[in-house]
């Protein structure tokens, strides 16, 4: 049986690459990828991922990842993803290492970059690891405490 994290990652990939207009279509795409899901499960996943329906014109719609415009929205989404996908935060000097479930580092790094904070210089993401560069050691220490607090 495949994990919920794998299923959520697959949904994000599907809706970002294809025009999926109904939950039934999404269920079918997931089944083609080997996920045994019901429409009720997909409905909960859509809510969990905060997917939105975007108008394509002529009465057509598709599911899409919700745009994050406000800093409060970015931070709330970061908190949600930390609880669900991040496993550890560690620090050495002014660099933090954030460990995620496989395949989720880039999504979490994207949100960290979207915070647009002066104490955070930038991120570099692999598959399950993010390097977070802080402005200095003091900023890194504060970031480690703040991000570590999001894990609980």
N, C-alpha and C. Protein backbone atom coordinates (compact mmCIF):
# COMPACT_ATOMS: atom_id res chain seq x y z
N UNK A 1 0.84 -1.19 0.00
CA UNK A 1 0.00 0.00 0.00
C UNK A 1 0.88 1.24 0.00
N UNK A 2 0.53 2.22 -0.80
CA UNK A 2 1.31 3.43 -0.91
C UNK A 2 0.85 4.44 0.14
N UNK A 3 1.77 5.30 0.55
CA UNK A 3 1.48 6.22 1.65
C UNK A 3 0.67 7.43 1.19
N UNK A 4 0.09 8.09 2.19
CA UNK A 4 -0.66 9.31 1.91
C UNK A 4 0.25 10.37 1.33
N UNK A 5 1.47 10.47 1.84
CA UNK A 5 2.42 11.46 1.33
C UNK A 5 2.68 11.23 -0.16
N UNK A 6 2.84 9.97 -0.55
CA UNK A 6 3.05 9.65 -1.98
C UNK A 6 1.82 10.05 -2.80
N UNK A 7 0.64 9.77 -2.27
CA UNK A 7 -0.60 10.11 -2.97
C UNK A 7 -0.74 11.62 -3.12
N UNK A 8 -0.45 12.36 -2.05
CA UNK A 8 -0.55 13.82 -2.11
C UNK A 8 0.44 14.39 -3.12
N UNK A 9 1.64 13.84 -3.13
CA UNK A 9 2.65 14.29 -4.10
C UNK A 9 2.17 14.00 -5.52
N UNK A 10 1.57 12.83 -5.74
CA UNK A 10 1.05 12.47 -7.07
C UNK A 10 -0.07 13.42 -7.49
N UNK A 11 -0.95 13.77 -6.56
CA UNK A 11 -2.04 14.70 -6.88
C UNK A 11 -1.47 16.05 -7.29
N UNK A 12 -0.50 16.55 -6.54
CA UNK A 12 0.11 17.83 -6.88
C UNK A 12 0.73 17.79 -8.27
N UNK A 13 1.39 16.70 -8.59
CA UNK A 13 2.01 16.55 -9.91
C UNK A 13 0.96 16.50 -11.01
N UNK A 14 -0.09 15.72 -10.78
CA UNK A 14 -1.14 15.56 -11.78
C UNK A 14 -1.82 16.90 -12.08
N UNK A 15 -2.23 17.61 -11.03
CA UNK A 15 -2.97 18.86 -11.28
C UNK A 15 -2.08 19.97 -11.83
N UNK A 16 -0.77 19.88 -11.58
CA UNK A 16 0.10 20.90 -12.13
C UNK A 16 0.44 20.65 -13.60
N UNK A 17 0.24 19.41 -14.08
CA UNK A 17 0.60 19.07 -15.46
C UNK A 17 -0.59 18.80 -16.38
N UNK A 18 -1.75 18.52 -15.79
CA UNK A 18 -2.90 18.14 -16.60
C UNK A 18 -4.13 18.95 -16.23
N UNK A 19 -5.08 19.02 -17.14
CA UNK A 19 -6.35 19.70 -16.88
C UNK A 19 -7.31 18.68 -16.29
N UNK A 20 -7.42 18.69 -14.97
CA UNK A 20 -8.32 17.79 -14.25
C UNK A 20 -9.49 18.63 -13.75
N UNK A 21 -10.69 18.32 -14.25
CA UNK A 21 -11.83 19.17 -13.90
C UNK A 21 -12.78 18.56 -12.88
N UNK A 22 -12.66 17.25 -12.64
CA UNK A 22 -13.56 16.62 -11.67
C UNK A 22 -12.78 15.69 -10.74
N UNK A 23 -13.37 15.43 -9.59
CA UNK A 23 -12.77 14.47 -8.66
C UNK A 23 -12.71 13.09 -9.30
N UNK A 24 -13.72 12.75 -10.09
CA UNK A 24 -13.75 11.45 -10.76
C UNK A 24 -12.53 11.30 -11.68
N UNK A 25 -12.19 12.34 -12.43
CA UNK A 25 -11.01 12.30 -13.30
C UNK A 25 -9.74 12.11 -12.48
N UNK A 26 -9.67 12.79 -11.34
CA UNK A 26 -8.48 12.67 -10.48
C UNK A 26 -8.37 11.27 -9.90
N UNK A 27 -9.49 10.69 -9.49
CA UNK A 27 -9.50 9.31 -9.00
C UNK A 27 -8.96 8.39 -10.09
N UNK A 28 -9.42 8.57 -11.33
CA UNK A 28 -8.99 7.73 -12.44
C UNK A 28 -7.48 7.87 -12.70
N UNK A 29 -6.96 9.09 -12.68
CA UNK A 29 -5.52 9.32 -12.89
C UNK A 29 -4.70 8.66 -11.78
N UNK A 30 -5.18 8.76 -10.55
CA UNK A 30 -4.48 8.13 -9.44
C UNK A 30 -4.49 6.61 -9.56
N UNK A 31 -5.61 6.06 -9.96
CA UNK A 31 -5.70 4.61 -10.15
C UNK A 31 -4.74 4.15 -11.25
N UNK A 32 -4.59 4.96 -12.31
CA UNK A 32 -3.65 4.63 -13.38
C UNK A 32 -2.21 4.60 -12.86
N UNK A 33 -1.95 5.33 -11.79
CA UNK A 33 -0.62 5.36 -11.18
C UNK A 33 -0.48 4.34 -10.05
N UNK A 34 -1.49 3.52 -9.86
CA UNK A 34 -1.39 2.45 -8.88
C UNK A 34 -1.93 2.76 -7.50
N UNK A 35 -2.65 3.86 -7.36
CA UNK A 35 -3.25 4.22 -6.06
C UNK A 35 -4.69 3.71 -6.03
N UNK A 36 -5.02 2.96 -4.99
CA UNK A 36 -6.40 2.51 -4.79
C UNK A 36 -7.10 3.56 -3.93
N UNK A 37 -7.90 4.42 -4.54
CA UNK A 37 -8.53 5.52 -3.82
C UNK A 37 -10.02 5.57 -4.13
N UNK A 38 -10.74 6.20 -3.21
CA UNK A 38 -12.15 6.47 -3.43
C UNK A 38 -12.32 7.97 -3.67
N UNK A 39 -13.47 8.34 -4.15
CA UNK A 39 -13.73 9.76 -4.37
C UNK A 39 -13.72 10.52 -3.04
N UNK A 40 -14.17 9.87 -1.98
CA UNK A 40 -14.16 10.52 -0.65
C UNK A 40 -12.74 10.82 -0.21
N UNK A 41 -11.81 9.89 -0.45
CA UNK A 41 -10.40 10.12 -0.10
C UNK A 41 -9.84 11.28 -0.90
N UNK A 42 -10.13 11.29 -2.20
CA UNK A 42 -9.64 12.37 -3.07
C UNK A 42 -10.23 13.70 -2.64
N UNK A 43 -11.47 13.71 -2.23
CA UNK A 43 -12.11 14.94 -1.76
C UNK A 43 -11.37 15.49 -0.53
N UNK A 44 -11.03 14.61 0.40
CA UNK A 44 -10.27 15.04 1.59
C UNK A 44 -8.87 15.52 1.21
N UNK A 45 -8.25 14.84 0.25
CA UNK A 45 -6.92 15.25 -0.21
C UNK A 45 -6.96 16.63 -0.88
N UNK A 46 -7.99 16.89 -1.64
CA UNK A 46 -8.15 18.19 -2.29
C UNK A 46 -8.23 19.29 -1.23
N UNK A 47 -8.98 19.03 -0.18
CA UNK A 47 -9.08 20.01 0.92
C UNK A 47 -7.74 20.16 1.64
N UNK A 48 -7.07 19.05 1.90
CA UNK A 48 -5.78 19.05 2.60
C UNK A 48 -4.74 19.84 1.82
N UNK A 49 -4.75 19.72 0.49
CA UNK A 49 -3.79 20.41 -0.36
C UNK A 49 -4.22 21.82 -0.73
N UNK A 50 -5.42 22.20 -0.31
CA UNK A 50 -5.97 23.53 -0.61
C UNK A 50 -6.03 23.78 -2.12
N UNK A 51 -6.45 22.74 -2.88
CA UNK A 51 -6.57 22.92 -4.31
C UNK A 51 -7.76 23.83 -4.59
N UNK A 52 -7.66 24.58 -5.67
CA UNK A 52 -8.73 25.47 -6.08
C UNK A 52 -9.18 25.09 -7.48
N UNK A 53 -10.42 25.46 -7.82
CA UNK A 53 -10.91 25.25 -9.18
C UNK A 53 -10.74 26.56 -9.93
N UNK A 54 -10.05 26.49 -11.05
CA UNK A 54 -9.73 27.67 -11.85
C UNK A 54 -10.56 27.61 -13.13
N UNK A 55 -11.16 28.75 -13.49
CA UNK A 55 -11.94 28.83 -14.71
C UNK A 55 -11.02 28.83 -15.93
N UNK A 56 -11.37 28.01 -16.92
CA UNK A 56 -10.60 27.95 -18.16
C UNK A 56 -11.33 28.66 -19.30
N UNK A 57 -12.56 29.07 -19.04
CA UNK A 57 -13.38 29.71 -20.07
C UNK A 57 -14.35 28.73 -20.67
N UNK A 58 -15.42 29.26 -21.27
CA UNK A 58 -16.46 28.45 -21.91
C UNK A 58 -17.02 27.39 -20.97
N UNK A 59 -17.15 27.74 -19.69
CA UNK A 59 -17.74 26.85 -18.71
C UNK A 59 -16.85 25.73 -18.23
N UNK A 60 -15.58 25.73 -18.62
CA UNK A 60 -14.65 24.68 -18.21
C UNK A 60 -13.83 25.15 -17.01
N UNK A 61 -13.49 24.19 -16.15
CA UNK A 61 -12.68 24.45 -14.96
C UNK A 61 -11.62 23.38 -14.82
N UNK A 62 -10.62 23.66 -13.99
CA UNK A 62 -9.63 22.65 -13.65
C UNK A 62 -9.15 22.88 -12.23
N UNK A 63 -8.65 21.81 -11.61
CA UNK A 63 -8.05 21.93 -10.28
C UNK A 63 -6.64 22.48 -10.43
N UNK A 64 -6.23 23.31 -9.47
CA UNK A 64 -4.88 23.88 -9.48
C UNK A 64 -4.43 24.07 -8.04
N UNK A 65 -3.12 24.17 -7.87
CA UNK A 65 -2.58 24.49 -6.56
C UNK A 65 -2.93 25.93 -6.24
N UNK A 66 -3.33 26.19 -5.01
CA UNK A 66 -3.74 27.54 -4.62
C UNK A 66 -2.55 28.49 -4.64
N UNK A 67 -2.74 29.67 -5.23
CA UNK A 67 -1.67 30.65 -5.18
C UNK A 67 -1.55 31.22 -3.77
N UNK A 68 -0.32 31.47 -3.36
CA UNK A 68 -0.09 32.02 -2.03
C UNK A 68 0.42 33.45 -2.19
N UNK A 69 -0.42 34.40 -1.88
CA UNK A 69 -0.07 35.81 -2.08
C UNK A 69 0.33 36.49 -0.77
N UNK A 70 -0.47 36.32 0.25
CA UNK A 70 -0.22 37.00 1.51
C UNK A 70 0.80 36.24 2.34
N UNK A 71 1.66 36.96 3.05
CA UNK A 71 2.67 36.33 3.88
C UNK A 71 2.04 35.43 4.94
N UNK A 72 0.87 35.82 5.45
CA UNK A 72 0.19 34.99 6.44
C UNK A 72 -0.21 33.64 5.83
N UNK A 73 -0.66 33.68 4.57
CA UNK A 73 -1.04 32.44 3.89
C UNK A 73 0.17 31.54 3.67
N UNK A 74 1.29 32.16 3.28
CA UNK A 74 2.52 31.40 3.06
C UNK A 74 2.94 30.73 4.37
N UNK A 75 2.91 31.48 5.46
CA UNK A 75 3.35 30.94 6.75
C UNK A 75 2.41 29.83 7.22
N UNK A 76 1.11 30.00 7.02
CA UNK A 76 0.15 28.95 7.41
C UNK A 76 0.38 27.68 6.61
N UNK A 77 0.64 27.83 5.31
CA UNK A 77 0.92 26.66 4.48
C UNK A 77 2.24 26.01 4.89
N UNK A 78 3.24 26.83 5.23
CA UNK A 78 4.51 26.30 5.70
C UNK A 78 4.31 25.49 6.98
N UNK A 79 3.52 26.01 7.91
CA UNK A 79 3.24 25.28 9.15
C UNK A 79 2.57 23.94 8.86
N UNK A 80 1.63 23.94 7.95
CA UNK A 80 0.92 22.71 7.60
C UNK A 80 1.88 21.69 6.99
N UNK A 81 2.72 22.14 6.07
CA UNK A 81 3.65 21.21 5.42
C UNK A 81 4.72 20.72 6.38
N UNK A 82 5.14 21.58 7.31
CA UNK A 82 6.13 21.13 8.30
C UNK A 82 5.55 19.99 9.12
N UNK A 83 4.32 20.14 9.59
CA UNK A 83 3.71 19.09 10.40
C UNK A 83 3.56 17.78 9.63
N UNK A 84 3.28 17.90 8.34
CA UNK A 84 3.00 16.71 7.55
C UNK A 84 4.24 16.07 6.91
N UNK A 85 5.20 16.90 6.48
CA UNK A 85 6.28 16.37 5.65
C UNK A 85 7.69 16.52 6.23
N UNK A 86 7.90 17.39 7.21
CA UNK A 86 9.25 17.63 7.73
C UNK A 86 9.51 16.72 8.92
N UNK A 87 10.71 16.14 8.95
CA UNK A 87 11.06 15.20 10.01
C UNK A 87 12.09 15.74 10.99
N UNK A 88 12.95 16.70 10.56
CA UNK A 88 14.00 17.17 11.44
C UNK A 88 14.54 18.51 10.96
N UNK A 89 15.01 19.30 11.91
CA UNK A 89 15.70 20.56 11.62
C UNK A 89 16.98 20.55 12.44
N UNK A 90 18.12 20.78 11.77
CA UNK A 90 19.41 20.78 12.45
C UNK A 90 20.19 22.01 11.96
N UNK A 91 21.20 22.41 12.73
CA UNK A 91 21.95 23.61 12.39
C UNK A 91 23.44 23.40 12.60
N UNK A 92 24.20 24.03 11.71
CA UNK A 92 25.66 24.11 11.85
C UNK A 92 26.06 25.50 11.38
N UNK A 93 26.51 26.33 12.30
CA UNK A 93 26.85 27.71 11.92
C UNK A 93 25.61 28.46 11.48
N UNK A 94 25.72 29.07 10.29
CA UNK A 94 24.56 29.83 9.79
C UNK A 94 23.74 29.03 8.78
N UNK A 95 23.97 27.70 8.74
CA UNK A 95 23.25 26.83 7.80
C UNK A 95 22.35 25.87 8.57
N UNK A 96 21.10 25.77 8.12
CA UNK A 96 20.18 24.80 8.68
C UNK A 96 19.97 23.69 7.66
N UNK A 97 19.77 22.49 8.15
CA UNK A 97 19.43 21.35 7.31
C UNK A 97 18.05 20.89 7.74
N UNK A 98 17.12 20.92 6.79
CA UNK A 98 15.74 20.51 7.04
C UNK A 98 15.53 19.20 6.30
N UNK A 99 15.18 18.14 7.04
CA UNK A 99 14.94 16.82 6.45
C UNK A 99 13.43 16.63 6.28
N UNK A 100 13.03 16.21 5.06
CA UNK A 100 11.62 15.99 4.76
C UNK A 100 11.39 14.55 4.33
N UNK A 101 10.13 14.20 4.19
CA UNK A 101 9.80 12.94 3.53
C UNK A 101 10.29 13.04 2.09
N UNK A 102 10.60 11.92 1.51
CA UNK A 102 11.10 11.89 0.13
C UNK A 102 10.14 12.61 -0.82
N UNK A 103 10.71 13.50 -1.62
CA UNK A 103 9.93 14.20 -2.63
C UNK A 103 9.29 15.51 -2.19
N UNK A 104 9.47 15.90 -0.93
CA UNK A 104 8.79 17.09 -0.43
C UNK A 104 9.71 18.27 -0.14
N UNK A 105 11.01 18.10 -0.34
CA UNK A 105 11.93 19.18 0.00
C UNK A 105 11.69 20.43 -0.85
N UNK A 106 11.48 20.26 -2.15
CA UNK A 106 11.33 21.45 -3.01
C UNK A 106 10.09 22.25 -2.66
N UNK A 107 8.99 21.58 -2.30
CA UNK A 107 7.77 22.30 -1.92
C UNK A 107 7.94 23.11 -0.65
N UNK A 108 8.63 22.52 0.33
CA UNK A 108 8.87 23.23 1.59
C UNK A 108 9.86 24.38 1.35
N UNK A 109 10.91 24.13 0.56
CA UNK A 109 11.89 25.18 0.25
C UNK A 109 11.23 26.35 -0.48
N UNK A 110 10.32 26.03 -1.39
CA UNK A 110 9.59 27.07 -2.12
C UNK A 110 8.88 28.00 -1.13
N UNK A 111 8.23 27.42 -0.14
CA UNK A 111 7.52 28.23 0.85
C UNK A 111 8.48 29.04 1.72
N UNK A 112 9.61 28.44 2.10
CA UNK A 112 10.60 29.19 2.87
C UNK A 112 11.10 30.39 2.07
N UNK A 113 11.34 30.19 0.78
CA UNK A 113 11.77 31.30 -0.08
C UNK A 113 10.68 32.38 -0.20
N UNK A 114 9.43 31.95 -0.23
CA UNK A 114 8.31 32.89 -0.37
C UNK A 114 8.09 33.76 0.88
N UNK A 115 8.72 33.36 1.99
CA UNK A 115 8.58 34.17 3.21
C UNK A 115 9.22 35.55 3.06
N UNK A 116 10.22 35.65 2.17
CA UNK A 116 10.88 36.93 1.90
C UNK A 116 11.32 37.62 3.19
N UNK A 117 12.13 36.91 3.97
CA UNK A 117 12.62 37.44 5.24
C UNK A 117 14.08 37.83 5.11
N UNK A 118 14.46 38.90 5.79
CA UNK A 118 15.85 39.37 5.75
C UNK A 118 16.82 38.41 6.43
N UNK A 119 16.33 37.67 7.43
CA UNK A 119 17.22 36.74 8.14
C UNK A 119 17.46 35.45 7.38
N UNK A 120 16.75 35.24 6.29
CA UNK A 120 16.87 34.03 5.50
C UNK A 120 17.41 34.41 4.11
N UNK A 121 18.66 34.02 3.83
CA UNK A 121 19.30 34.38 2.56
C UNK A 121 18.72 33.58 1.41
N UNK A 122 18.51 32.26 1.60
CA UNK A 122 17.95 31.43 0.55
C UNK A 122 17.98 29.97 0.91
N UNK A 123 17.48 29.14 -0.01
CA UNK A 123 17.42 27.70 0.21
C UNK A 123 17.95 26.96 -1.01
N UNK A 124 18.31 25.72 -0.79
CA UNK A 124 18.70 24.81 -1.86
C UNK A 124 18.10 23.45 -1.50
N UNK A 125 17.24 22.93 -2.39
CA UNK A 125 16.51 21.70 -2.07
C UNK A 125 16.92 20.54 -2.94
N UNK A 126 17.01 19.38 -2.32
CA UNK A 126 17.18 18.12 -3.03
C UNK A 126 15.86 17.38 -2.99
N UNK A 127 15.91 16.07 -2.86
CA UNK A 127 14.70 15.27 -2.82
C UNK A 127 14.08 15.24 -1.43
N UNK A 128 14.94 15.10 -0.40
CA UNK A 128 14.43 15.03 0.97
C UNK A 128 15.23 15.89 1.94
N UNK A 129 16.04 16.80 1.41
CA UNK A 129 16.88 17.65 2.25
C UNK A 129 16.90 19.07 1.71
N UNK A 130 16.81 20.03 2.63
CA UNK A 130 16.89 21.44 2.26
C UNK A 130 18.02 22.08 3.05
N UNK A 131 18.89 22.80 2.35
CA UNK A 131 19.87 23.65 3.02
C UNK A 131 19.27 25.04 3.09
N UNK A 132 19.19 25.57 4.28
CA UNK A 132 18.66 26.91 4.50
C UNK A 132 19.82 27.77 4.97
N UNK A 133 20.12 28.82 4.22
CA UNK A 133 21.22 29.71 4.57
C UNK A 133 20.64 30.93 5.29
N UNK A 134 21.06 31.10 6.53
CA UNK A 134 20.62 32.24 7.33
C UNK A 134 21.65 33.36 7.22
N UNK A 135 21.25 34.57 7.52
CA UNK A 135 22.11 35.74 7.40
C UNK A 135 23.37 35.61 8.26
N UNK A 136 23.21 35.09 9.47
CA UNK A 136 24.35 34.89 10.37
C UNK A 136 23.98 33.81 11.38
N UNK A 137 24.91 33.50 12.27
CA UNK A 137 24.65 32.42 13.24
C UNK A 137 23.49 32.73 14.17
N UNK A 138 23.38 33.99 14.58
CA UNK A 138 22.29 34.38 15.48
C UNK A 138 20.94 34.17 14.78
N UNK A 139 20.86 34.58 13.52
CA UNK A 139 19.62 34.39 12.75
C UNK A 139 19.34 32.90 12.56
N UNK A 140 20.39 32.11 12.32
CA UNK A 140 20.22 30.67 12.13
C UNK A 140 19.69 30.02 13.41
N UNK A 141 20.21 30.46 14.54
CA UNK A 141 19.76 29.92 15.82
C UNK A 141 18.27 30.21 16.03
N UNK A 142 17.87 31.44 15.73
CA UNK A 142 16.46 31.82 15.88
C UNK A 142 15.58 31.05 14.89
N UNK A 143 16.05 30.89 13.65
CA UNK A 143 15.30 30.13 12.65
C UNK A 143 15.16 28.66 13.05
N UNK A 144 16.24 28.10 13.59
CA UNK A 144 16.20 26.70 14.03
C UNK A 144 15.13 26.53 15.11
N UNK A 145 15.07 27.45 16.04
CA UNK A 145 14.06 27.37 17.11
C UNK A 145 12.66 27.53 16.53
N UNK A 146 12.49 28.52 15.64
CA UNK A 146 11.16 28.77 15.06
C UNK A 146 10.70 27.59 14.22
N UNK A 147 11.56 27.11 13.30
CA UNK A 147 11.18 26.01 12.43
C UNK A 147 11.02 24.71 13.21
N UNK A 148 11.87 24.48 14.19
CA UNK A 148 11.73 23.30 15.04
C UNK A 148 10.40 23.31 15.76
N UNK A 149 9.93 24.50 16.13
CA UNK A 149 8.63 24.62 16.79
C UNK A 149 7.46 24.25 15.90
N UNK A 150 7.66 24.31 14.58
CA UNK A 150 6.59 23.96 13.66
C UNK A 150 6.39 22.44 13.55
N UNK A 151 7.35 21.69 14.06
CA UNK A 151 7.27 20.23 13.98
C UNK A 151 6.27 19.64 14.97
N UNK A 152 5.92 20.36 16.02
CA UNK A 152 5.03 19.82 17.05
C UNK A 152 3.59 20.09 16.77
